[in-house]
Amino acid sequence: MSEALSKQQLLDLAKQVDPNVEIDDDVANVLLDLADQFVEEVTVVSCQLAKHRGGDRLEARDLKLCLEKNYDIRAPGFVSTETKPGAVKRPGTGNDAHRQRVEKVRRTNL
C-alpha cells in the first residue's frame, strides 16, 4: 500500500498551520503511520458499508457515513445522513403533538 501522505506533504501541511513549526523525524513517522492507518480503516469500513447496502462499488456516501458515524467528521458539501434515503418524513407530526401538549399546559395554568 502506498503512503496516504508523503513526509514532505506532512511538513508542508504543518507549515500552513504554523510557519515556525519543526517536526522531529520520529514524530513525522508516527504521524505518517497514523494517517496510513486512518485511510486504511476508513476504506475498509466504507467498502463494508457499500457491500451492506448491496452496492458493487464504493460511493462518496459510503465514505461520508463512515466518517460521520465512526469519527464524527462532517464532510462539507454533502447532505446529512441523519435521515435515511427513501425515508418518508411526515410533516408536522412531531411539532403538532408538542404544540398540543404546550397548549394543554397553558390552558391548565390559566
PDB file of N, CA and C in Angstrom:
ATOM      1  N   MET A   1       0.841  -1.184   0.000  1.00  0.00           N
ATOM      2  CA  MET A   1       0.000   0.000   0.000  1.00  0.00           C
ATOM      3  C   MET A   1       0.887   1.248   0.000  1.00  0.00           C
ATOM      4  N   SER A   2       0.532   2.206  -0.783  1.00  0.00           N
ATOM      5  CA  SER A   2       1.303   3.443  -0.825  1.00  0.00           C
ATOM      6  C   SER A   2       0.913   4.336   0.344  1.00  0.00           C
ATOM      7  N   GLU A   3       1.786   5.281   0.631  1.00  0.00           N
ATOM      8  CA  GLU A   3       1.520   6.188   1.737  1.00  0.00           C
ATOM      9  C   GLU A   3       0.371   7.127   1.392  1.00  0.00           C
ATOM     10  N   ALA A   4      -0.443   7.434   2.379  1.00  0.00           N
ATOM     11  CA  ALA A   4      -1.532   8.380   2.189  1.00  0.00           C
ATOM     12  C   ALA A   4      -0.989   9.792   2.055  1.00  0.00           C
ATOM     13  N   LEU A   5       0.174  10.007   2.646  1.00  0.00           N
ATOM     14  CA  LEU A   5       0.769  11.329   2.708  1.00  0.00           C
ATOM     15  C   LEU A   5       2.282  11.154   2.721  1.00  0.00           C
ATOM     16  N   SER A   6       2.989  11.937   1.931  1.00  0.00           N
ATOM     17  CA  SER A   6       4.455  11.863   1.967  1.00  0.00           C
ATOM     18  C   SER A   6       4.967  12.723   3.122  1.00  0.00           C
ATOM     19  N   LYS A   7       6.203  12.495   3.490  1.00  0.00           N
ATOM     20  CA  LYS A   7       6.789  13.273   4.585  1.00  0.00           C
ATOM     21  C   LYS A   7       6.824  14.759   4.216  1.00  0.00           C
ATOM     22  N   GLN A   8       7.139  15.056   2.965  1.00  0.00           N
ATOM     23  CA  GLN A   8       7.187  16.451   2.531  1.00  0.00           C
ATOM     24  C   GLN A   8       5.788  17.087   2.576  1.00  0.00           C
ATOM     25  N   GLN A   9       4.754  16.329   2.176  1.00  0.00           N
ATOM     26  CA  GLN A   9       3.385  16.844   2.242  1.00  0.00           C
ATOM     27  C   GLN A   9       2.982  17.123   3.687  1.00  0.00           C
ATOM     28  N   LEU A  10       3.386  16.245   4.594  1.00  0.00           N
ATOM     29  CA  LEU A  10       3.102  16.451   6.013  1.00  0.00           C
ATOM     30  C   LEU A  10       3.772  17.724   6.510  1.00  0.00           C
ATOM     31  N   LEU A  11       5.023  17.912   6.161  1.00  0.00           N
ATOM     32  CA  LEU A  11       5.753  19.111   6.582  1.00  0.00           C
ATOM     33  C   LEU A  11       5.136  20.374   5.987  1.00  0.00           C
ATOM     34  N   ASP A  12       4.743  20.304   4.714  1.00  0.00           N
ATOM     35  CA  ASP A  12       4.094  21.450   4.064  1.00  0.00           C
ATOM     36  C   ASP A  12       2.774  21.793   4.756  1.00  0.00           C
ATOM     37  N   LEU A  13       2.016  20.763   5.092  1.00  0.00           N
ATOM     38  CA  LEU A  13       0.738  20.969   5.783  1.00  0.00           C
ATOM     39  C   LEU A  13       0.960  21.599   7.152  1.00  0.00           C
ATOM     40  N   ALA A  14       1.934  21.116   7.867  1.00  0.00           N
ATOM     41  CA  ALA A  14       2.248  21.671   9.194  1.00  0.00           C
ATOM     42  C   ALA A  14       2.687  23.129   9.072  1.00  0.00           C
ATOM     43  N   LYS A  15       3.445  23.448   8.041  1.00  0.00           N
ATOM     44  CA  LYS A  15       3.907  24.828   7.833  1.00  0.00           C
ATOM     45  C   LYS A  15       2.748  25.762   7.504  1.00  0.00           C
ATOM     46  N   GLN A  16       1.686  25.235   6.884  1.00  0.00           N
ATOM     47  CA  GLN A  16       0.497  26.047   6.609  1.00  0.00           C
ATOM     48  C   GLN A  16      -0.187  26.455   7.908  1.00  0.00           C
ATOM     49  N   VAL A  17      -0.162  25.564   8.888  1.00  0.00           N
ATOM     50  CA  VAL A  17      -0.777  25.839  10.180  1.00  0.00           C
ATOM     51  C   VAL A  17       0.100  26.770  11.007  1.00  0.00           C
ATOM     52  N   ASP A  18       1.379  26.455  11.046  1.00  0.00           N
ATOM     53  CA  ASP A  18       2.335  27.271  11.804  1.00  0.00           C
ATOM     54  C   ASP A  18       3.652  27.317  11.034  1.00  0.00           C
ATOM     55  N   PRO A  19       3.973  28.457  10.433  1.00  0.00           N
ATOM     56  CA  PRO A  19       5.191  28.560   9.620  1.00  0.00           C
ATOM     57  C   PRO A  19       6.482  28.278  10.393  1.00  0.00           C
ATOM     58  N   ASN A  20       6.438  28.379  11.718  1.00  0.00           N
ATOM     59  CA  ASN A  20       7.640  28.174  12.531  1.00  0.00           C
ATOM     60  C   ASN A  20       7.766  26.767  13.095  1.00  0.00           C
ATOM     61  N   VAL A  21       6.870  25.879  12.729  1.00  0.00           N
ATOM     62  CA  VAL A  21       6.856  24.542  13.316  1.00  0.00           C
ATOM     63  C   VAL A  21       8.055  23.721  12.830  1.00  0.00           C
ATOM     64  N   GLU A  22       8.577  22.933  13.733  1.00  0.00           N
ATOM     65  CA  GLU A  22       9.638  21.978  13.422  1.00  0.00           C
ATOM     66  C   GLU A  22       9.144  20.608  13.882  1.00  0.00           C
ATOM     67  N   ILE A  23       9.192  19.641  12.994  1.00  0.00           N
ATOM     68  CA  ILE A  23       8.715  18.300  13.330  1.00  0.00           C
ATOM     69  C   ILE A  23       9.893  17.341  13.297  1.00  0.00           C
ATOM     70  N   ASP A  24      10.107  16.669  14.413  1.00  0.00           N
ATOM     71  CA  ASP A  24      11.156  15.666  14.543  1.00  0.00           C
ATOM     72  C   ASP A  24      10.863  14.505  13.587  1.00  0.00           C
ATOM     73  N   ASP A  25      11.890  13.846  13.075  1.00  0.00           N
ATOM     74  CA  ASP A  25      11.701  12.728  12.145  1.00  0.00           C
ATOM     75  C   ASP A  25      10.862  11.607  12.750  1.00  0.00           C
ATOM     76  N   ASP A  26      11.101  11.287  14.028  1.00  0.00           N
ATOM     77  CA  ASP A  26      10.319  10.224  14.678  1.00  0.00           C
ATOM     78  C   ASP A  26       8.844  10.603  14.767  1.00  0.00           C
ATOM     79  N   VAL A  27       8.582  11.862  15.099  1.00  0.00           N
ATOM     80  CA  VAL A  27       7.192  12.343  15.188  1.00  0.00           C
ATOM     81  C   VAL A  27       6.542  12.305  13.814  1.00  0.00           C
ATOM     82  N   ALA A  28       7.262  12.730  12.799  1.00  0.00           N
ATOM     83  CA  ALA A  28       6.733  12.706  11.434  1.00  0.00           C
ATOM     84  C   ALA A  28       6.389  11.276  11.025  1.00  0.00           C
ATOM     85  N   ASN A  29       7.249  10.336  11.365  1.00  0.00           N
ATOM     86  CA  ASN A  29       6.990   8.934  11.013  1.00  0.00           C
ATOM     87  C   ASN A  29       5.752   8.400  11.718  1.00  0.00           C
ATOM     88  N   VAL A  30       5.569   8.758  12.980  1.00  0.00           N
ATOM     89  CA  VAL A  30       4.366   8.322  13.712  1.00  0.00           C
ATOM     90  C   VAL A  30       3.120   8.934  13.085  1.00  0.00           C
ATOM     91  N   LEU A  31       3.169  10.220  12.764  1.00  0.00           N
ATOM     92  CA  LEU A  31       2.024  10.882  12.137  1.00  0.00           C
ATOM     93  C   LEU A  31       1.696  10.263  10.773  1.00  0.00           C
ATOM     94  N   LEU A  32       2.731   9.922  10.012  1.00  0.00           N
ATOM     95  CA  LEU A  32       2.511   9.277   8.709  1.00  0.00           C
ATOM     96  C   LEU A  32       1.880   7.899   8.874  1.00  0.00           C
ATOM     97  N   ASP A  33       2.336   7.146   9.876  1.00  0.00           N
ATOM     98  CA  ASP A  33       1.738   5.832  10.155  1.00  0.00           C
ATOM     99  C   ASP A  33       0.263   5.980  10.544  1.00  0.00           C
ATOM    100  N   LEU A  34      -0.030   6.967  11.394  1.00  0.00           N
ATOM    101  CA  LEU A  34      -1.422   7.207  11.799  1.00  0.00           C
ATOM    102  C   LEU A  34      -2.295   7.576  10.604  1.00  0.00           C
ATOM    103  N   ALA A  35      -1.775   8.397   9.720  1.00  0.00           N
ATOM    104  CA  ALA A  35      -2.529   8.784   8.524  1.00  0.00           C
ATOM    105  C   ALA A  35      -2.803   7.564   7.649  1.00  0.00           C
ATOM    106  N   ASP A  36      -1.805   6.706   7.477  1.00  0.00           N
ATOM    107  CA  ASP A  36      -1.988   5.483   6.683  1.00  0.00           C
ATOM    108  C   ASP A  36      -3.033   4.567   7.309  1.00  0.00           C
ATOM    109  N   GLN A  37      -2.969   4.400   8.636  1.00  0.00           N
ATOM    110  CA  GLN A  37      -3.947   3.559   9.331  1.00  0.00           C
ATOM    111  C   GLN A  37      -5.358   4.122   9.188  1.00  0.00           C
ATOM    112  N   PHE A  38      -5.474   5.436   9.320  1.00  0.00           N
ATOM    113  CA  PHE A  38      -6.778   6.080   9.207  1.00  0.00           C
ATOM    114  C   PHE A  38      -7.377   5.845   7.820  1.00  0.00           C
ATOM    115  N   VAL A  39      -6.587   6.057   6.782  1.00  0.00           N
ATOM    116  CA  VAL A  39      -7.072   5.873   5.412  1.00  0.00           C
ATOM    117  C   VAL A  39      -7.472   4.415   5.188  1.00  0.00           C
ATOM    118  N   GLU A  40      -6.670   3.495   5.688  1.00  0.00           N
ATOM    119  CA  GLU A  40      -6.985   2.075   5.515  1.00  0.00           C
ATOM    120  C   GLU A  40      -8.282   1.696   6.243  1.00  0.00           C
ATOM    121  N   GLU A  41      -8.434   2.155   7.492  1.00  0.00           N
ATOM    122  CA  GLU A  41      -9.647   1.843   8.260  1.00  0.00           C
ATOM    123  C   GLU A  41     -10.892   2.424   7.594  1.00  0.00           C
ATOM    124  N   VAL A  42     -10.816   3.669   7.155  1.00  0.00           N
ATOM    125  CA  VAL A  42     -11.966   4.310   6.509  1.00  0.00           C
ATOM    126  C   VAL A  42     -12.318   3.576   5.219  1.00  0.00           C
ATOM    127  N   THR A  43     -11.300   3.162   4.477  1.00  0.00           N
ATOM    128  CA  THR A  43     -11.543   2.448   3.222  1.00  0.00           C
ATOM    129  C   THR A  43     -12.210   1.104   3.475  1.00  0.00           C
ATOM    130  N   VAL A  44     -11.707   0.353   4.446  1.00  0.00           N
ATOM    131  CA  VAL A  44     -12.269  -0.968   4.740  1.00  0.00           C
ATOM    132  C   VAL A  44     -13.718  -0.848   5.212  1.00  0.00           C
ATOM    133  N   VAL A  45     -13.976   0.032   6.161  1.00  0.00           N
ATOM    134  CA  VAL A  45     -15.336   0.187   6.693  1.00  0.00           C
ATOM    135  C   VAL A  45     -16.278   0.710   5.608  1.00  0.00           C
ATOM    136  N   SER A  46     -15.815   1.636   4.795  1.00  0.00           N
ATOM    137  CA  SER A  46     -16.654   2.182   3.728  1.00  0.00           C
ATOM    138  C   SER A  46     -16.998   1.107   2.707  1.00  0.00           C
ATOM    139  N   CYS A  47     -16.048   0.240   2.396  1.00  0.00           N
ATOM    140  CA  CYS A  47     -16.325  -0.878   1.479  1.00  0.00           C
ATOM    141  C   CYS A  47     -17.346  -1.840   2.088  1.00  0.00           C
ATOM    142  N   GLN A  48     -17.248  -2.073   3.391  1.00  0.00           N
ATOM    143  CA  GLN A  48     -18.224  -2.925   4.067  1.00  0.00           C
ATOM    144  C   GLN A  48     -19.616  -2.296   4.008  1.00  0.00           C
ATOM    145  N   LEU A  49     -19.688  -0.980   4.172  1.00  0.00           N
ATOM    146  CA  LEU A  49     -20.978  -0.287   4.076  1.00  0.00           C
ATOM    147  C   LEU A  49     -21.552  -0.394   2.671  1.00  0.00           C
ATOM    148  N   ALA A  50     -20.699  -0.240   1.665  1.00  0.00           N
ATOM    149  CA  ALA A  50     -21.156  -0.355   0.276  1.00  0.00           C
ATOM    150  C   ALA A  50     -21.694  -1.757   0.016  1.00  0.00           C
ATOM    151  N   LYS A  51     -21.002  -2.758   0.504  1.00  0.00           N
ATOM    152  CA  LYS A  51     -21.445  -4.147   0.336  1.00  0.00           C
ATOM    153  C   LYS A  51     -22.763  -4.379   1.070  1.00  0.00           C
ATOM    154  N   HIS A  52     -22.870  -3.815   2.273  1.00  0.00           N
ATOM    155  CA  HIS A  52     -24.084  -3.982   3.077  1.00  0.00           C
ATOM    156  C   HIS A  52     -25.314  -3.391   2.382  1.00  0.00           C
ATOM    157  N   ARG A  53     -25.150  -2.253   1.710  1.00  0.00           N
ATOM    158  CA  ARG A  53     -26.291  -1.640   1.026  1.00  0.00           C
ATOM    159  C   ARG A  53     -26.569  -2.291  -0.319  1.00  0.00           C
ATOM    160  N   GLY A  54     -25.748  -3.306  -0.681  1.00  0.00           N
ATOM    161  CA  GLY A  54     -25.973  -4.030  -1.923  1.00  0.00           C
ATOM    162  C   GLY A  54     -25.271  -3.407  -3.115  1.00  0.00           C
ATOM    163  N   GLY A  55     -24.382  -2.484  -2.860  1.00  0.00           N
ATOM    164  CA  GLY A  55     -23.667  -1.835  -3.948  1.00  0.00           C
ATOM    165  C   GLY A  55     -22.490  -2.665  -4.419  1.00  0.00           C
ATOM    166  N   ASP A  56     -22.097  -2.441  -5.657  1.00  0.00           N
ATOM    167  CA  ASP A  56     -20.939  -3.146  -6.190  1.00  0.00           C
ATOM    168  C   ASP A  56     -19.749  -2.216  -6.377  1.00  0.00           C
ATOM    169  N   ARG A  57     -19.897  -0.966  -5.912  1.00  0.00           N
ATOM    170  CA  ARG A  57     -18.790  -0.018  -5.960  1.00  0.00           C
ATOM    171  C   ARG A  57     -18.879   0.932  -4.776  1.00  0.00           C
ATOM    172  N   LEU A  58     -17.741   1.436  -4.415  1.00  0.00           N
ATOM    173  CA  LEU A  58     -17.644   2.376  -3.304  1.00  0.00           C
ATOM    174  C   LEU A  58     -18.112   3.750  -3.779  1.00  0.00           C
ATOM    175  N   GLU A  59     -18.991   4.371  -3.018  1.00  0.00           N
ATOM    176  CA  GLU A  59     -19.508   5.691  -3.377  1.00  0.00           C
ATOM    177  C   GLU A  59     -19.181   6.683  -2.263  1.00  0.00           C
ATOM    178  N   ALA A  60     -19.267   7.956  -2.613  1.00  0.00           N
ATOM    179  CA  ALA A  60     -18.966   9.017  -1.646  1.00  0.00           C
ATOM    180  C   ALA A  60     -19.850   8.903  -0.413  1.00  0.00           C
ATOM    181  N   ARG A  61     -21.092   8.479  -0.585  1.00  0.00           N
ATOM    182  CA  ARG A  61     -21.998   8.378   0.572  1.00  0.00           C
ATOM    183  C   ARG A  61     -21.521   7.315   1.568  1.00  0.00           C
ATOM    184  N   ASP A  62     -20.825   6.286   1.085  1.00  0.00           N
ATOM    185  CA  ASP A  62     -20.285   5.271   1.983  1.00  0.00           C
ATOM    186  C   ASP A  62     -19.172   5.866   2.845  1.00  0.00           C
ATOM    187  N   LEU A  63     -18.286   6.623   2.210  1.00  0.00           N
ATOM    188  CA  LEU A  63     -17.214   7.290   2.948  1.00  0.00           C
ATOM    189  C   LEU A  63     -17.788   8.295   3.939  1.00  0.00           C
ATOM    190  N   LYS A  64     -18.775   9.054   3.492  1.00  0.00           N
ATOM    191  CA  LYS A  64     -19.393  10.072   4.337  1.00  0.00           C
ATOM    192  C   LYS A  64     -20.019   9.452   5.575  1.00  0.00           C
ATOM    193  N   LEU A  65     -20.751   8.371   5.388  1.00  0.00           N
ATOM    194  CA  LEU A  65     -21.396   7.697   6.516  1.00  0.00           C
ATOM    195  C   LEU A  65     -20.356   7.160   7.487  1.00  0.00           C
ATOM    196  N   CYS A  66     -19.306   6.553   6.969  1.00  0.00           N
ATOM    197  CA  CYS A  66     -18.231   6.033   7.819  1.00  0.00           C
ATOM    198  C   CYS A  66     -17.604   7.154   8.641  1.00  0.00           C
ATOM    199  N   LEU A  67     -17.272   8.262   7.995  1.00  0.00           N
ATOM    200  CA  LEU A  67     -16.627   9.373   8.694  1.00  0.00           C
ATOM    201  C   LEU A  67     -17.539   9.976   9.754  1.00  0.00           C
ATOM    202  N   GLU A  68     -18.831  10.125   9.433  1.00  0.00           N
ATOM    203  CA  GLU A  68     -19.770  10.718  10.397  1.00  0.00           C
ATOM    204  C   GLU A  68     -20.016   9.819  11.590  1.00  0.00           C
ATOM    205  N   LYS A  69     -20.286   8.572  11.339  1.00  0.00           N
ATOM    206  CA  LYS A  69     -20.683   7.662  12.420  1.00  0.00           C
ATOM    207  C   LYS A  69     -19.508   7.163  13.256  1.00  0.00           C
ATOM    208  N   ASN A  70     -18.360   6.957  12.629  1.00  0.00           N
ATOM    209  CA  ASN A  70     -17.222   6.384  13.352  1.00  0.00           C
ATOM    210  C   ASN A  70     -16.247   7.413  13.888  1.00  0.00           C
ATOM    211  N   TYR A  71     -16.191   8.583  13.245  1.00  0.00           N
ATOM    212  CA  TYR A  71     -15.189   9.572  13.634  1.00  0.00           C
ATOM    213  C   TYR A  71     -15.786  10.948  13.926  1.00  0.00           C
ATOM    214  N   ASP A  72     -17.086  11.084  13.779  1.00  0.00           N
ATOM    215  CA  ASP A  72     -17.774  12.357  13.993  1.00  0.00           C
ATOM    216  C   ASP A  72     -17.160  13.472  13.130  1.00  0.00           C
ATOM    217  N   ILE A  73     -16.834  13.110  11.891  1.00  0.00           N
ATOM    218  CA  ILE A  73     -16.283  14.065  10.924  1.00  0.00           C
ATOM    219  C   ILE A  73     -17.358  14.349   9.892  1.00  0.00           C
ATOM    220  N   ARG A  74     -17.702  15.616   9.731  1.00  0.00           N
ATOM    221  CA  ARG A  74     -18.704  16.032   8.751  1.00  0.00           C
ATOM    222  C   ARG A  74     -17.988  16.490   7.487  1.00  0.00           C
ATOM    223  N   ALA A  75     -18.276  15.827   6.383  1.00  0.00           N
ATOM    224  CA  ALA A  75     -17.659  16.192   5.110  1.00  0.00           C
ATOM    225  C   ALA A  75     -18.457  17.338   4.491  1.00  0.00           C
ATOM    226  N   PRO A  76     -17.809  18.448   4.188  1.00  0.00           N
ATOM    227  CA  PRO A  76     -18.537  19.577   3.607  1.00  0.00           C
ATOM    228  C   PRO A  76     -19.054  19.246   2.211  1.00  0.00           C
ATOM    229  N   GLY A  77     -20.192  19.841   1.875  1.00  0.00           N
ATOM    230  CA  GLY A  77     -20.747  19.665   0.536  1.00  0.00           C
ATOM    231  C   GLY A  77     -21.691  18.493   0.389  1.00  0.00           C
ATOM    232  N   PHE A  78     -21.994  17.799   1.479  1.00  0.00           N
ATOM    233  CA  PHE A  78     -22.903  16.664   1.423  1.00  0.00           C
ATOM    234  C   PHE A  78     -24.073  16.894   2.360  1.00  0.00           C
ATOM    235  N   VAL A  79     -25.219  16.346   2.006  1.00  0.00           N
ATOM    236  CA  VAL A  79     -26.397  16.422   2.859  1.00  0.00           C
ATOM    237  C   VAL A  79     -26.193  15.464   4.023  1.00  0.00           C
ATOM    238  N   SER A  80     -26.702  15.815   5.193  1.00  0.00           N
ATOM    239  CA  SER A  80     -26.552  14.981   6.377  1.00  0.00           C
ATOM    240  C   SER A  80     -27.213  13.630   6.179  1.00  0.00           C
ATOM    241  N   THR A  81     -26.638  12.597   6.814  1.00  0.00           N
ATOM    242  CA  THR A  81     -27.186  11.242   6.719  1.00  0.00           C
ATOM    243  C   THR A  81     -28.111  10.929   7.884  1.00  0.00           C
ATOM    244  N   GLU A  82     -28.535  11.954   8.612  1.00  0.00           N
ATOM    245  CA  GLU A  82     -29.384  11.720   9.779  1.00  0.00           C
ATOM    246  C   GLU A  82     -30.703  11.062   9.386  1.00  0.00           C
ATOM    247  N   THR A  83     -31.240  11.382   8.219  1.00  0.00           N
ATOM    248  CA  THR A  83     -32.440  10.706   7.740  1.00  0.00           C
ATOM    249  C   THR A  83     -32.021   9.718   6.671  1.00  0.00           C
ATOM    250  N   LYS A  84     -32.572   8.544   6.707  1.00  0.00           N
ATOM    251  CA  LYS A  84     -32.203   7.507   5.768  1.00  0.00           C
ATOM    252  C   LYS A  84     -32.764   7.840   4.387  1.00  0.00           C
ATOM    253  N   PRO A  85     -32.007   7.511   3.329  1.00  0.00           N
ATOM    254  CA  PRO A  85     -32.524   7.738   1.981  1.00  0.00           C
ATOM    255  C   PRO A  85     -33.807   6.942   1.772  1.00  0.00           C
ATOM    256  N   GLY A  86     -34.796   7.566   1.213  1.00  0.00           N
ATOM    257  CA  GLY A  86     -36.066   6.906   0.964  1.00  0.00           C
ATOM    258  C   GLY A  86     -37.028   6.964   2.130  1.00  0.00           C
ATOM    259  N   ALA A  87     -36.579   7.478   3.271  1.00  0.00           N
ATOM    260  CA  ALA A  87     -37.470   7.577   4.432  1.00  0.00           C
ATOM    261  C   ALA A  87     -38.501   8.668   4.183  1.00  0.00           C
ATOM    262  N   VAL A  88     -39.730   8.393   4.549  1.00  0.00           N
ATOM    263  CA  VAL A  88     -40.802   9.359   4.353  1.00  0.00           C
ATOM    264  C   VAL A  88     -40.922  10.208   5.607  1.00  0.00           C
ATOM    265  N   LYS A  89     -40.792  11.506   5.422  1.00  0.00           N
ATOM    266  CA  LYS A  89     -40.927  12.415   6.551  1.00  0.00           C
ATOM    267  C   LYS A  89     -42.363  12.907   6.578  1.00  0.00           C
ATOM    268  N   ARG A  90     -43.009  12.707   7.687  1.00  0.00           N
ATOM    269  CA  ARG A  90     -44.388  13.147   7.826  1.00  0.00           C
ATOM    270  C   ARG A  90     -44.393  14.559   8.380  1.00  0.00           C
ATOM    271  N   PRO A  91     -44.835  15.499   7.588  1.00  0.00           N
ATOM    272  CA  PRO A  91     -44.762  16.893   8.032  1.00  0.00           C
ATOM    273  C   PRO A  91     -45.663  17.169   9.220  1.00  0.00           C
ATOM    274  N   GLY A  92     -45.090  17.845  10.198  1.00  0.00           N
ATOM    275  CA  GLY A  92     -45.889  18.339  11.303  1.00  0.00           C
ATOM    276  C   GLY A  92     -46.231  17.348  12.394  1.00  0.00           C
ATOM    277  N   THR A  93     -45.909  16.075  12.254  1.00  0.00           N
ATOM    278  CA  THR A  93     -46.334  15.103  13.270  1.00  0.00           C
ATOM    279  C   THR A  93     -45.722  15.390  14.631  1.00  0.00           C
ATOM    280  N   GLY A  94     -44.413  15.529  14.683  1.00  0.00           N
ATOM    281  CA  GLY A  94     -43.753  15.797  15.952  1.00  0.00           C
ATOM    282  C   GLY A  94     -44.106  17.169  16.492  1.00  0.00           C
ATOM    283  N   ASN A  95     -44.126  18.167  15.659  1.00  0.00           N
ATOM    284  CA  ASN A  95     -44.429  19.525  16.100  1.00  0.00           C
ATOM    285  C   ASN A  95     -45.876  19.661  16.558  1.00  0.00           C
ATOM    286  N   ASP A  96     -46.798  19.014  15.861  1.00  0.00           N
ATOM    287  CA  ASP A  96     -48.212  19.091  16.244  1.00  0.00           C
ATOM    288  C   ASP A  96     -48.445  18.495  17.626  1.00  0.00           C
ATOM    289  N   ALA A  97     -47.849  17.353  17.884  1.00  0.00           N
ATOM    290  CA  ALA A  97     -48.030  16.718  19.186  1.00  0.00           C
ATOM    291  C   ALA A  97     -47.438  17.608  20.285  1.00  0.00           C
ATOM    292  N   HIS A  98     -46.297  18.180  20.046  1.00  0.00           N
ATOM    293  CA  HIS A  98     -45.675  19.069  21.024  1.00  0.00           C
ATOM    294  C   HIS A  98     -46.541  20.316  21.223  1.00  0.00           C
ATOM    295  N   ARG A  99     -46.996  20.860  20.138  1.00  0.00           N
ATOM    296  CA  ARG A  99     -47.833  22.068  20.212  1.00  0.00           C
ATOM    297  C   ARG A  99     -49.108  21.799  21.026  1.00  0.00           C
ATOM    298  N   GLN A 100     -49.705  20.633  20.836  1.00  0.00           N
ATOM    299  CA  GLN A 100     -50.918  20.288  21.582  1.00  0.00           C
ATOM    300  C   GLN A 100     -50.618  20.162  23.074  1.00  0.00           C
ATOM    301  N   ARG A 101     -49.486  19.569  23.430  1.00  0.00           N
ATOM    302  CA  ARG A 101     -49.128  19.433  24.847  1.00  0.00           C
ATOM    303  C   ARG A 101     -48.888  20.801  25.477  1.00  0.00           C
ATOM    304  N   VAL A 102     -48.191  21.669  24.752  1.00  0.00           N
ATOM    305  CA  VAL A 102     -47.918  23.012  25.268  1.00  0.00           C
ATOM    306  C   VAL A 102     -49.231  23.769  25.462  1.00  0.00           C
ATOM    307  N   GLU A 103     -50.126  23.660  24.512  1.00  0.00           N
ATOM    308  CA  GLU A 103     -51.419  24.348  24.612  1.00  0.00           C
ATOM    309  C   GLU A 103     -52.224  23.824  25.799  1.00  0.00           C
ATOM    310  N   LYS A 104     -52.179  22.522  26.025  1.00  0.00           N
ATOM    311  CA  LYS A 104     -52.901  21.936  27.151  1.00  0.00           C
ATOM    312  C   LYS A 104     -52.332  22.458  28.478  1.00  0.00           C
ATOM    313  N   VAL A 105     -51.012  22.557  28.583  1.00  0.00           N
ATOM    314  CA  VAL A 105     -50.377  23.075  29.786  1.00  0.00           C
ATOM    315  C   VAL A 105     -50.777  24.534  30.000  1.00  0.00           C
ATOM    316  N   ARG A 106     -50.797  25.312  28.953  1.00  0.00           N
ATOM    317  CA  ARG A 106     -51.174  26.721  29.060  1.00  0.00           C
ATOM    318  C   ARG A 106     -52.618  26.873  29.547  1.00  0.00           C
ATOM    319  N   ARG A 107     -53.517  26.031  29.032  1.00  0.00           N
ATOM    320  CA  ARG A 107     -54.926  26.122  29.438  1.00  0.00           C
ATOM    321  C   ARG A 107     -55.093  25.770  30.919  1.00  0.00           C
ATOM    322  N   THR A 108     -54.317  24.788  31.391  1.00  0.00           N
ATOM    323  CA  THR A 108     -54.451  24.391  32.797  1.00  0.00           C
ATOM    324  C   THR A 108     -53.843  25.440  33.724  1.00  0.00           C
ATOM    325  N   ASN A 109     -52.893  26.217  33.253  1.00  0.00           N
ATOM    326  CA  ASN A 109     -52.263  27.243  34.085  1.00  0.00           C
ATOM    327  C   ASN A 109     -53.065  28.534  34.122  1.00  0.00           C
ATOM    328  N   LEU A 110     -54.062  28.695  33.292  1.00  0.00           N
ATOM    329  CA  LEU A 110     -54.832  29.942  33.276  1.00  0.00           C
ATOM    330  C   LEU A 110     -55.810  29.965  34.372  1.00  0.00           C
TER     331      LEU A 110
END
